[in-house]
Amino acid sequence: MFTLEQFVADCRAALKEDSSHARVREVVARAVSDPAAVLKALGEPQRAEMQNLYRSDNLTILNVIWAPWMTLLPHNHQMWAVIGIYTGREDNIFWRRVPGHSDKVEAAGARALCEKDAQPLGRDIIHSVTNPIPRLTGAIHVYGGDFFAVQRSEWDAETLLENPCEGEKMVRRFEEANAMLLKR
């Protein structure tokens, strides 16, 4: 049975054992292997948002709810992450810096994450995220640091050029997605 308190304790213990994402990925995979238990503990997703479940200097745990057809621009985290899907689907496009143009990216791969999937992302990964289905998607995102204290980058949708990632802009994207959801 999933409880938030035990999940946080397990993630903290896994991080103490191994500072990489390897042990944390096992904890996340175990949690999302029972989506009904996660839904019971966190509640059925109602709107697009990033819920802060736990935050410390070396670990952040978010409950990320993606609106239908919502997309985030290519961005980095500057720390490792583990993504676990407990309802819906999250498509990731992975990007790499263009040789000779270090401020520009090009697509380098993709991975569709479905319910019960747990995917590690390395510290230097650049990715964009899309919810390609017509309902809300729920994902537990675990980061190897203080997600809110790190300066990140995002890449422009048209030019694919690097810019600072501003937290207010990201919050606005979730609110815009909610506004579109209400129009449906």
N, C-alpha and C. Protein backbone atom coordinates (compact mmCIF):
# COMPACT_ATOMS: atom_id res chain seq x y z
N MET A 1 0.84 -1.19 0.00
CA MET A 1 0.00 0.00 0.00
C MET A 1 0.89 1.25 0.00
N PHE A 2 0.59 2.17 -0.87
CA PHE A 2 1.36 3.39 -1.01
C PHE A 2 0.88 4.43 0.01
N THR A 3 1.82 4.98 0.76
CA THR A 3 1.54 6.16 1.57
C THR A 3 2.63 7.17 1.24
N LEU A 4 2.28 8.42 1.24
CA LEU A 4 3.24 9.46 0.91
C LEU A 4 4.39 9.47 1.91
N GLU A 5 4.08 9.33 3.19
CA GLU A 5 5.11 9.36 4.23
C GLU A 5 6.14 8.24 4.02
N GLN A 6 5.66 7.04 3.72
CA GLN A 6 6.57 5.91 3.51
C GLN A 6 7.36 6.08 2.21
N PHE A 7 6.71 6.61 1.17
CA PHE A 7 7.39 6.85 -0.10
C PHE A 7 8.54 7.83 0.08
N VAL A 8 8.29 8.92 0.78
CA VAL A 8 9.35 9.91 1.04
C VAL A 8 10.48 9.26 1.85
N ALA A 9 10.12 8.52 2.88
CA ALA A 9 11.14 7.84 3.70
C ALA A 9 11.96 6.86 2.86
N ASP A 10 11.30 6.12 1.98
CA ASP A 10 12.00 5.16 1.12
C ASP A 10 12.93 5.87 0.14
N CYS A 11 12.48 6.98 -0.43
CA CYS A 11 13.33 7.75 -1.35
C CYS A 11 14.54 8.31 -0.62
N ARG A 12 14.34 8.83 0.58
CA ARG A 12 15.46 9.37 1.36
C ARG A 12 16.46 8.28 1.72
N ALA A 13 15.96 7.11 2.10
CA ALA A 13 16.85 5.99 2.43
C ALA A 13 17.61 5.51 1.19
N ALA A 14 16.93 5.44 0.04
CA ALA A 14 17.58 5.03 -1.21
C ALA A 14 18.67 6.02 -1.60
N LEU A 15 18.41 7.29 -1.43
CA LEU A 15 19.40 8.32 -1.75
C LEU A 15 20.60 8.23 -0.83
N LYS A 16 20.37 7.89 0.43
CA LYS A 16 21.46 7.72 1.39
C LYS A 16 22.37 6.55 0.99
N GLU A 17 21.76 5.48 0.47
CA GLU A 17 22.50 4.30 0.01
C GLU A 17 23.34 4.59 -1.23
N ASP A 18 22.76 5.40 -2.15
CA ASP A 18 23.37 5.63 -3.46
C ASP A 18 22.94 7.01 -3.94
N SER A 19 23.89 7.92 -4.16
CA SER A 19 23.54 9.29 -4.53
C SER A 19 23.11 9.41 -5.99
N SER A 20 23.21 8.34 -6.77
CA SER A 20 22.69 8.36 -8.13
C SER A 20 21.19 8.06 -8.08
N HIS A 21 20.57 7.98 -9.24
CA HIS A 21 19.13 7.71 -9.28
C HIS A 21 18.79 6.22 -9.27
N ALA A 22 19.78 5.34 -9.21
CA ALA A 22 19.53 3.90 -9.36
C ALA A 22 18.57 3.36 -8.29
N ARG A 23 18.85 3.59 -7.03
CA ARG A 23 17.99 3.07 -5.96
C ARG A 23 16.65 3.81 -5.89
N VAL A 24 16.67 5.10 -6.16
CA VAL A 24 15.42 5.87 -6.16
C VAL A 24 14.50 5.36 -7.26
N ARG A 25 15.07 5.00 -8.41
CA ARG A 25 14.25 4.46 -9.50
C ARG A 25 13.52 3.21 -9.04
N GLU A 26 14.18 2.36 -8.27
CA GLU A 26 13.53 1.15 -7.74
C GLU A 26 12.35 1.50 -6.85
N VAL A 27 12.51 2.53 -6.02
CA VAL A 27 11.43 2.97 -5.13
C VAL A 27 10.25 3.49 -5.95
N VAL A 28 10.54 4.31 -6.95
CA VAL A 28 9.48 4.88 -7.80
C VAL A 28 8.79 3.76 -8.58
N ALA A 29 9.56 2.83 -9.14
CA ALA A 29 8.98 1.72 -9.90
C ALA A 29 8.05 0.89 -9.02
N ARG A 30 8.46 0.63 -7.80
CA ARG A 30 7.63 -0.13 -6.86
C ARG A 30 6.32 0.63 -6.59
N ALA A 31 6.41 1.94 -6.41
CA ALA A 31 5.22 2.75 -6.10
C ALA A 31 4.23 2.73 -7.26
N VAL A 32 4.70 3.00 -8.49
CA VAL A 32 3.77 3.11 -9.62
C VAL A 32 3.33 1.74 -10.14
N SER A 33 3.89 0.66 -9.62
CA SER A 33 3.43 -0.67 -10.01
C SER A 33 2.01 -0.94 -9.49
N ASP A 34 1.56 -0.11 -8.53
CA ASP A 34 0.19 -0.21 -8.00
C ASP A 34 -0.48 1.16 -8.15
N PRO A 35 -0.89 1.50 -9.39
CA PRO A 35 -1.46 2.82 -9.64
C PRO A 35 -2.68 3.15 -8.77
N ALA A 36 -3.50 2.16 -8.49
CA ALA A 36 -4.70 2.40 -7.67
C ALA A 36 -4.32 2.89 -6.27
N ALA A 37 -3.26 2.34 -5.71
CA ALA A 37 -2.82 2.76 -4.37
C ALA A 37 -2.29 4.19 -4.40
N VAL A 38 -1.56 4.56 -5.46
CA VAL A 38 -1.06 5.94 -5.58
C VAL A 38 -2.24 6.90 -5.74
N LEU A 39 -3.19 6.54 -6.58
CA LEU A 39 -4.38 7.39 -6.76
C LEU A 39 -5.15 7.56 -5.46
N LYS A 40 -5.25 6.49 -4.69
CA LYS A 40 -5.96 6.58 -3.41
C LYS A 40 -5.24 7.54 -2.46
N ALA A 41 -3.92 7.49 -2.45
CA ALA A 41 -3.15 8.34 -1.53
C ALA A 41 -3.06 9.80 -2.00
N LEU A 42 -2.86 10.01 -3.30
CA LEU A 42 -2.67 11.37 -3.82
C LEU A 42 -3.96 12.00 -4.32
N GLY A 43 -4.96 11.18 -4.59
CA GLY A 43 -6.22 11.69 -5.12
C GLY A 43 -6.24 11.64 -6.64
N GLU A 44 -7.42 11.56 -7.17
CA GLU A 44 -7.61 11.56 -8.62
C GLU A 44 -7.22 12.93 -9.16
N PRO A 45 -6.39 13.00 -10.21
CA PRO A 45 -6.01 14.30 -10.78
C PRO A 45 -7.24 15.10 -11.21
N GLN A 46 -7.25 16.39 -10.86
CA GLN A 46 -8.38 17.26 -11.17
C GLN A 46 -8.02 18.39 -12.13
N ARG A 47 -6.74 18.80 -12.10
CA ARG A 47 -6.29 19.94 -12.92
C ARG A 47 -4.79 19.84 -13.13
N ALA A 48 -4.30 20.51 -14.15
CA ALA A 48 -2.86 20.52 -14.40
C ALA A 48 -2.17 21.32 -13.30
N GLU A 49 -1.12 20.75 -12.73
CA GLU A 49 -0.37 21.44 -11.69
C GLU A 49 0.87 20.64 -11.30
N MET A 50 1.76 21.31 -10.59
CA MET A 50 2.92 20.66 -9.99
C MET A 50 2.75 20.78 -8.48
N GLN A 51 2.44 19.68 -7.82
CA GLN A 51 2.27 19.67 -6.37
C GLN A 51 3.59 19.30 -5.73
N ASN A 52 4.07 20.14 -4.84
CA ASN A 52 5.31 19.86 -4.11
C ASN A 52 4.98 18.91 -2.97
N LEU A 53 5.48 17.67 -3.05
CA LEU A 53 5.21 16.68 -2.01
C LEU A 53 6.31 16.63 -0.97
N TYR A 54 7.57 16.94 -1.39
CA TYR A 54 8.70 16.93 -0.46
C TYR A 54 9.82 17.75 -1.08
N ARG A 55 10.51 18.51 -0.22
CA ARG A 55 11.61 19.34 -0.72
C ARG A 55 12.71 19.45 0.34
N SER A 56 13.94 19.14 -0.10
CA SER A 56 15.13 19.35 0.73
C SER A 56 16.26 19.74 -0.21
N ASP A 57 17.44 19.96 0.35
CA ASP A 57 18.59 20.34 -0.48
C ASP A 57 18.99 19.26 -1.47
N ASN A 58 18.75 17.99 -1.13
CA ASN A 58 19.22 16.92 -2.01
C ASN A 58 18.11 16.06 -2.61
N LEU A 59 16.83 16.44 -2.39
CA LEU A 59 15.73 15.63 -2.90
C LEU A 59 14.46 16.47 -3.02
N THR A 60 13.81 16.41 -4.18
CA THR A 60 12.51 17.04 -4.38
C THR A 60 11.59 16.00 -4.98
N ILE A 61 10.37 15.93 -4.45
CA ILE A 61 9.36 15.00 -4.97
C ILE A 61 8.14 15.82 -5.35
N LEU A 62 7.75 15.73 -6.63
CA LEU A 62 6.59 16.46 -7.14
C LEU A 62 5.55 15.48 -7.66
N ASN A 63 4.30 15.85 -7.52
CA ASN A 63 3.21 15.17 -8.20
C ASN A 63 2.85 16.09 -9.37
N VAL A 64 3.21 15.68 -10.59
CA VAL A 64 2.99 16.51 -11.76
C VAL A 64 1.77 15.99 -12.50
N ILE A 65 0.79 16.88 -12.69
CA ILE A 65 -0.43 16.54 -13.40
C ILE A 65 -0.40 17.29 -14.73
N TRP A 66 -0.43 16.53 -15.83
CA TRP A 66 -0.42 17.10 -17.17
C TRP A 66 -1.84 17.16 -17.70
N ALA A 67 -2.24 18.32 -18.24
CA ALA A 67 -3.54 18.45 -18.90
C ALA A 67 -3.51 17.70 -20.22
N PRO A 68 -4.68 17.34 -20.75
CA PRO A 68 -4.71 16.71 -22.07
C PRO A 68 -4.00 17.57 -23.11
N TRP A 69 -3.16 16.95 -23.90
CA TRP A 69 -2.43 17.57 -25.00
C TRP A 69 -1.47 18.68 -24.56
N MET A 70 -1.19 18.77 -23.29
CA MET A 70 -0.26 19.78 -22.77
C MET A 70 1.17 19.43 -23.17
N THR A 71 1.96 20.44 -23.52
CA THR A 71 3.36 20.26 -23.89
C THR A 71 4.23 21.28 -23.18
N LEU A 72 5.36 20.83 -22.65
CA LEU A 72 6.38 21.74 -22.12
C LEU A 72 7.54 21.77 -23.10
N LEU A 73 8.13 22.93 -23.28
CA LEU A 73 9.26 23.12 -24.18
C LEU A 73 10.45 22.27 -23.75
N PRO A 74 11.40 22.05 -24.66
CA PRO A 74 12.63 21.39 -24.23
C PRO A 74 13.25 22.15 -23.06
N HIS A 75 13.67 21.40 -22.05
CA HIS A 75 14.24 22.03 -20.85
C HIS A 75 15.20 21.04 -20.18
N ASN A 76 16.01 21.55 -19.28
CA ASN A 76 16.91 20.68 -18.51
C ASN A 76 16.57 20.84 -17.04
N HIS A 77 17.14 19.99 -16.21
CA HIS A 77 16.91 20.04 -14.77
C HIS A 77 18.18 20.35 -13.99
N GLN A 78 19.35 20.12 -14.58
CA GLN A 78 20.64 20.29 -13.91
C GLN A 78 20.82 19.33 -12.74
N MET A 79 20.07 18.25 -12.75
CA MET A 79 20.16 17.19 -11.73
C MET A 79 19.46 15.96 -12.29
N TRP A 80 19.76 14.79 -11.73
CA TRP A 80 19.07 13.60 -12.20
C TRP A 80 17.60 13.65 -11.77
N ALA A 81 16.80 12.86 -12.46
CA ALA A 81 15.38 12.76 -12.14
C ALA A 81 14.90 11.34 -12.40
N VAL A 82 13.80 10.98 -11.76
CA VAL A 82 13.11 9.73 -12.04
C VAL A 82 11.64 10.09 -12.19
N ILE A 83 11.04 9.62 -13.27
CA ILE A 83 9.63 9.90 -13.56
C ILE A 83 8.87 8.59 -13.48
N GLY A 84 7.80 8.57 -12.69
CA GLY A 84 6.95 7.39 -12.57
C GLY A 84 5.52 7.74 -12.90
N ILE A 85 4.92 7.05 -13.84
CA ILE A 85 3.56 7.34 -14.29
C ILE A 85 2.57 6.44 -13.53
N TYR A 86 1.59 7.08 -12.89
CA TYR A 86 0.58 6.28 -12.18
C TYR A 86 -0.79 6.37 -12.83
N THR A 87 -0.97 7.27 -13.78
CA THR A 87 -2.18 7.29 -14.59
C THR A 87 -1.91 8.10 -15.85
N GLY A 88 -2.38 7.60 -16.98
CA GLY A 88 -2.22 8.32 -18.23
C GLY A 88 -0.92 8.00 -18.95
N ARG A 89 -0.39 9.01 -19.66
CA ARG A 89 0.80 8.82 -20.48
C ARG A 89 1.58 10.12 -20.58
N GLU A 90 2.89 10.00 -20.62
CA GLU A 90 3.79 11.15 -20.76
C GLU A 90 4.80 10.81 -21.85
N ASP A 91 4.81 11.58 -22.94
CA ASP A 91 5.77 11.36 -24.01
C ASP A 91 6.93 12.34 -23.85
N ASN A 92 8.14 11.81 -23.90
CA ASN A 92 9.36 12.61 -23.77
C ASN A 92 10.11 12.58 -25.09
N ILE A 93 10.49 13.75 -25.57
CA ILE A 93 11.44 13.86 -26.67
C ILE A 93 12.75 14.27 -26.03
N PHE A 94 13.81 13.55 -26.34
CA PHE A 94 15.13 13.87 -25.81
C PHE A 94 15.89 14.67 -26.85
N TRP A 95 16.60 15.68 -26.38
CA TRP A 95 17.31 16.62 -27.24
C TRP A 95 18.80 16.61 -26.90
N ARG A 96 19.61 16.99 -27.87
CA ARG A 96 21.05 17.17 -27.64
C ARG A 96 21.47 18.50 -28.24
N ARG A 97 22.54 19.05 -27.66
CA ARG A 97 23.07 20.31 -28.18
C ARG A 97 23.66 20.06 -29.57
N VAL A 98 23.44 21.00 -30.48
CA VAL A 98 23.95 20.90 -31.84
C VAL A 98 25.46 21.21 -31.82
N PRO A 99 26.28 20.28 -32.32
CA PRO A 99 27.72 20.55 -32.36
C PRO A 99 28.02 21.85 -33.10
N GLY A 100 28.86 22.69 -32.50
CA GLY A 100 29.20 23.97 -33.09
C GLY A 100 28.20 25.08 -32.80
N HIS A 101 27.05 24.72 -32.21
CA HIS A 101 26.01 25.70 -31.84
C HIS A 101 25.50 25.32 -30.45
N SER A 102 26.30 25.52 -29.44
CA SER A 102 26.00 24.99 -28.11
C SER A 102 24.71 25.55 -27.49
N ASP A 103 24.16 26.65 -28.04
CA ASP A 103 22.92 27.20 -27.49
C ASP A 103 21.68 26.68 -28.22
N LYS A 104 21.87 25.77 -29.19
CA LYS A 104 20.76 25.23 -29.97
C LYS A 104 20.69 23.72 -29.78
N VAL A 105 19.47 23.15 -29.85
CA VAL A 105 19.30 21.71 -29.70
C VAL A 105 18.65 21.10 -30.93
N GLU A 106 18.80 19.76 -31.04
CA GLU A 106 18.13 18.98 -32.06
C GLU A 106 17.60 17.71 -31.40
N ALA A 107 16.53 17.16 -31.96
CA ALA A 107 15.95 15.94 -31.40
C ALA A 107 16.93 14.79 -31.50
N ALA A 108 16.96 13.97 -30.45
CA ALA A 108 17.92 12.86 -30.40
C ALA A 108 17.27 11.53 -30.02
N GLY A 109 15.99 11.53 -29.71
CA GLY A 109 15.32 10.29 -29.32
C GLY A 109 14.01 10.59 -28.64
N ALA A 110 13.28 9.55 -28.29
CA ALA A 110 11.97 9.73 -27.64
C ALA A 110 11.65 8.49 -26.82
N ARG A 111 10.74 8.69 -25.87
CA ARG A 111 10.25 7.58 -25.06
C ARG A 111 8.85 7.89 -24.58
N ALA A 112 7.92 7.00 -24.85
CA ALA A 112 6.55 7.12 -24.35
C ALA A 112 6.50 6.39 -23.01
N LEU A 113 6.08 7.10 -21.98
CA LEU A 113 5.94 6.52 -20.65
C LEU A 113 4.45 6.30 -20.38
N CYS A 114 4.11 5.07 -20.05
CA CYS A 114 2.73 4.70 -19.77
C CYS A 114 2.58 4.36 -18.30
N GLU A 115 1.33 4.17 -17.88
CA GLU A 115 1.05 3.77 -16.51
C GLU A 115 1.96 2.61 -16.10
N LYS A 116 2.55 2.71 -14.92
CA LYS A 116 3.46 1.74 -14.30
C LYS A 116 4.91 1.85 -14.77
N ASP A 117 5.22 2.79 -15.68
CA ASP A 117 6.60 2.98 -16.12
C ASP A 117 7.34 3.91 -15.17
N ALA A 118 8.63 3.63 -14.97
CA ALA A 118 9.52 4.50 -14.17
C ALA A 118 10.79 4.71 -14.99
N GLN A 119 11.07 5.95 -15.33
CA GLN A 119 12.18 6.29 -16.23
C GLN A 119 13.18 7.21 -15.54
N PRO A 120 14.45 6.78 -15.47
CA PRO A 120 15.47 7.70 -14.95
C PRO A 120 15.94 8.66 -16.05
N LEU A 121 16.29 9.86 -15.65
CA LEU A 121 16.88 10.85 -16.55
C LEU A 121 18.19 11.32 -15.92
N GLY A 122 19.25 11.32 -16.71
CA GLY A 122 20.54 11.77 -16.20
C GLY A 122 20.59 13.27 -15.97
N ARG A 123 21.60 13.69 -15.27
CA ARG A 123 21.78 15.10 -14.88
C ARG A 123 21.77 16.05 -16.06
N ASP A 124 22.32 15.65 -17.20
CA ASP A 124 22.47 16.54 -18.34
C ASP A 124 21.40 16.38 -19.41
N ILE A 125 20.38 15.59 -19.13
CA ILE A 125 19.32 15.35 -20.12
C ILE A 125 18.54 16.63 -20.39
N ILE A 126 18.26 16.84 -21.67
CA ILE A 126 17.34 17.90 -22.11
C ILE A 126 16.14 17.16 -22.70
N HIS A 127 14.95 17.51 -22.26
CA HIS A 127 13.76 16.83 -22.78
C HIS A 127 12.58 17.77 -22.83
N SER A 128 11.63 17.45 -23.70
CA SER A 128 10.33 18.11 -23.71
C SER A 128 9.31 17.05 -23.34
N VAL A 129 8.16 17.49 -22.85
CA VAL A 129 7.14 16.58 -22.34
C VAL A 129 5.80 16.92 -22.96
N THR A 130 5.08 15.88 -23.38
CA THR A 130 3.73 16.04 -23.92
C THR A 130 2.82 14.99 -23.31
N ASN A 131 1.61 15.40 -22.96
CA ASN A 131 0.57 14.44 -22.62
C ASN A 131 -0.27 14.29 -23.90
N PRO A 132 -0.13 13.16 -24.61
CA PRO A 132 -0.78 13.03 -25.92
C PRO A 132 -2.21 12.46 -25.86
N ILE A 133 -2.76 12.31 -24.67
CA ILE A 133 -4.08 11.67 -24.56
C ILE A 133 -5.13 12.69 -24.09
N PRO A 134 -6.40 12.39 -24.29
CA PRO A 134 -7.47 13.35 -23.97
C PRO A 134 -7.94 13.34 -22.52
N ARG A 135 -7.05 12.97 -21.59
CA ARG A 135 -7.38 13.05 -20.16
C ARG A 135 -6.13 13.42 -19.38
N LEU A 136 -6.30 13.76 -18.13
CA LEU A 136 -5.18 14.14 -17.28
C LEU A 136 -4.22 12.96 -17.07
N THR A 137 -2.95 13.27 -16.98
CA THR A 137 -1.91 12.29 -16.67
C THR A 137 -1.30 12.65 -15.34
N GLY A 138 -1.06 11.64 -14.50
CA GLY A 138 -0.42 11.85 -13.20
C GLY A 138 0.94 11.17 -13.16
N ALA A 139 1.94 11.92 -12.71
CA ALA A 139 3.30 11.39 -12.67
C ALA A 139 4.00 11.86 -11.41
N ILE A 140 4.71 10.95 -10.77
CA ILE A 140 5.57 11.31 -9.65
C ILE A 140 6.94 11.62 -10.24
N HIS A 141 7.45 12.81 -9.97
CA HIS A 141 8.78 13.22 -10.43
C HIS A 141 9.66 13.38 -9.20
N VAL A 142 10.77 12.66 -9.17
CA VAL A 142 11.72 12.73 -8.06
C VAL A 142 13.03 13.29 -8.62
N TYR A 143 13.57 14.30 -7.96
CA TYR A 143 14.78 14.98 -8.42
C TYR A 143 15.88 14.87 -7.36
N GLY A 144 17.11 14.72 -7.83
CA GLY A 144 18.27 14.60 -6.95
C GLY A 144 18.84 15.94 -6.56
N GLY A 145 18.01 16.80 -5.99
CA GLY A 145 18.41 18.13 -5.53
C GLY A 145 17.18 18.96 -5.26
N ASP A 146 17.41 20.23 -4.95
CA ASP A 146 16.30 21.16 -4.73
C ASP A 146 15.86 21.71 -6.08
N PHE A 147 14.82 21.15 -6.63
CA PHE A 147 14.31 21.50 -7.96
C PHE A 147 14.06 23.00 -8.09
N PHE A 148 13.62 23.64 -7.02
CA PHE A 148 13.22 25.04 -7.09
C PHE A 148 14.39 26.01 -6.91
N ALA A 149 15.56 25.51 -6.54
CA ALA A 149 16.70 26.39 -6.27
C ALA A 149 17.73 26.40 -7.40
N VAL A 150 17.51 25.62 -8.44
CA VAL A 150 18.50 25.48 -9.52
C VAL A 150 18.09 26.32 -10.72
N GLN A 151 19.08 26.99 -11.32
CA GLN A 151 18.84 27.74 -12.55
C GLN A 151 18.83 26.76 -13.72
N ARG A 152 17.71 26.68 -14.40
CA ARG A 152 17.56 25.77 -15.53
C ARG A 152 17.44 26.56 -16.83
N SER A 153 17.51 25.84 -17.94
CA SER A 153 17.30 26.45 -19.26
C SER A 153 16.11 25.78 -19.93
N GLU A 154 15.52 26.53 -20.87
CA GLU A 154 14.55 25.95 -21.79
C GLU A 154 14.89 26.46 -23.18
N TRP A 155 14.39 25.76 -24.18
CA TRP A 155 14.73 26.10 -25.55
C TRP A 155 13.48 26.56 -26.28
N ASP A 156 13.61 27.66 -27.04
CA ASP A 156 12.51 28.28 -27.76
C ASP A 156 11.86 27.28 -28.72
N ALA A 157 10.53 27.29 -28.79
CA ALA A 157 9.79 26.33 -29.61
C ALA A 157 10.08 26.49 -31.10
N GLU A 158 10.31 27.71 -31.56
CA GLU A 158 10.55 27.92 -33.00
C GLU A 158 12.01 27.86 -33.38
N THR A 159 12.86 28.52 -32.61
CA THR A 159 14.28 28.61 -32.98
C THR A 159 15.13 27.52 -32.37
N LEU A 160 14.62 26.86 -31.33
CA LEU A 160 15.35 25.86 -30.55
C LEU A 160 16.62 26.44 -29.92
N LEU A 161 16.61 27.74 -29.64
CA LEU A 161 17.72 28.41 -28.97
C LEU A 161 17.49 28.46 -27.48
N GLU A 162 18.57 28.38 -26.71
CA GLU A 162 18.53 28.31 -25.25
C GLU A 162 18.18 29.66 -24.63
N ASN A 163 17.33 29.60 -23.60
CA ASN A 163 16.93 30.76 -22.80
C ASN A 163 16.86 30.33 -21.33
N PRO A 164 16.93 31.28 -20.41
CA PRO A 164 16.70 30.92 -19.00
C PRO A 164 15.28 30.40 -18.81
N CYS A 165 15.11 29.41 -17.96
CA CYS A 165 13.80 28.87 -17.65
C CYS A 165 13.26 29.63 -16.45
N GLU A 166 12.17 30.33 -16.65
CA GLU A 166 11.58 31.14 -15.59
C GLU A 166 10.41 30.40 -14.97
N GLY A 167 10.44 30.26 -13.65
CA GLY A 167 9.40 29.54 -12.93
C GLY A 167 8.00 30.08 -13.18
N GLU A 168 7.89 31.41 -13.27
CA GLU A 168 6.57 32.02 -13.49
C GLU A 168 6.00 31.61 -14.84
N LYS A 169 6.88 31.50 -15.84
CA LYS A 169 6.44 31.07 -17.17
C LYS A 169 5.91 29.64 -17.14
N MET A 170 6.59 28.79 -16.39
CA MET A 170 6.17 27.39 -16.31
C MET A 170 4.81 27.29 -15.60
N VAL A 171 4.64 28.04 -14.51
CA VAL A 171 3.35 28.05 -13.80
C VAL A 171 2.25 28.54 -14.74
N ARG A 172 2.56 29.56 -15.54
CA ARG A 172 1.58 30.11 -16.48
C ARG A 172 1.17 29.04 -17.52
N ARG A 173 2.11 28.20 -17.95
CA ARG A 173 1.77 27.15 -18.91
C ARG A 173 0.78 26.15 -18.31
N PHE A 174 0.93 25.85 -17.04
CA PHE A 174 -0.03 24.96 -16.38
C PHE A 174 -1.39 25.64 -16.29
N GLU A 175 -1.42 26.92 -15.96
CA GLU A 175 -2.69 27.65 -15.87
C GLU A 175 -3.37 27.77 -17.23
N GLU A 176 -2.57 28.01 -18.29
CA GLU A 176 -3.13 28.07 -19.64
C GLU A 176 -3.72 26.73 -20.04
N ALA A 177 -3.05 25.64 -19.66
CA ALA A 177 -3.57 24.30 -19.95
C ALA A 177 -4.88 24.06 -19.21
N ASN A 178 -4.97 24.56 -17.97
CA ASN A 178 -6.23 24.42 -17.22
C ASN A 178 -7.34 25.21 -17.87
N ALA A 179 -7.04 26.41 -18.35
CA ALA A 179 -8.05 27.23 -19.02
C ALA A 179 -8.59 26.51 -20.26
N MET A 180 -7.70 25.87 -21.01
CA MET A 180 -8.13 25.13 -22.20
C MET A 180 -8.97 23.91 -21.80
N LEU A 181 -8.61 23.29 -20.68
CA LEU A 181 -9.34 22.13 -20.18
C LEU A 181 -10.78 22.52 -19.82
N LEU A 182 -10.94 23.69 -19.24
CA LEU A 182 -12.28 24.15 -18.87
C LEU A 182 -13.15 24.46 -20.07
N LYS A 183 -12.52 24.82 -21.20
CA LYS A 183 -13.28 25.13 -22.43
C LYS A 183 -13.85 23.90 -23.11
N ARG A 184 -13.30 22.73 -22.75
CA ARG A 184 -13.73 21.49 -23.41
C ARG A 184 -15.16 21.12 -23.12
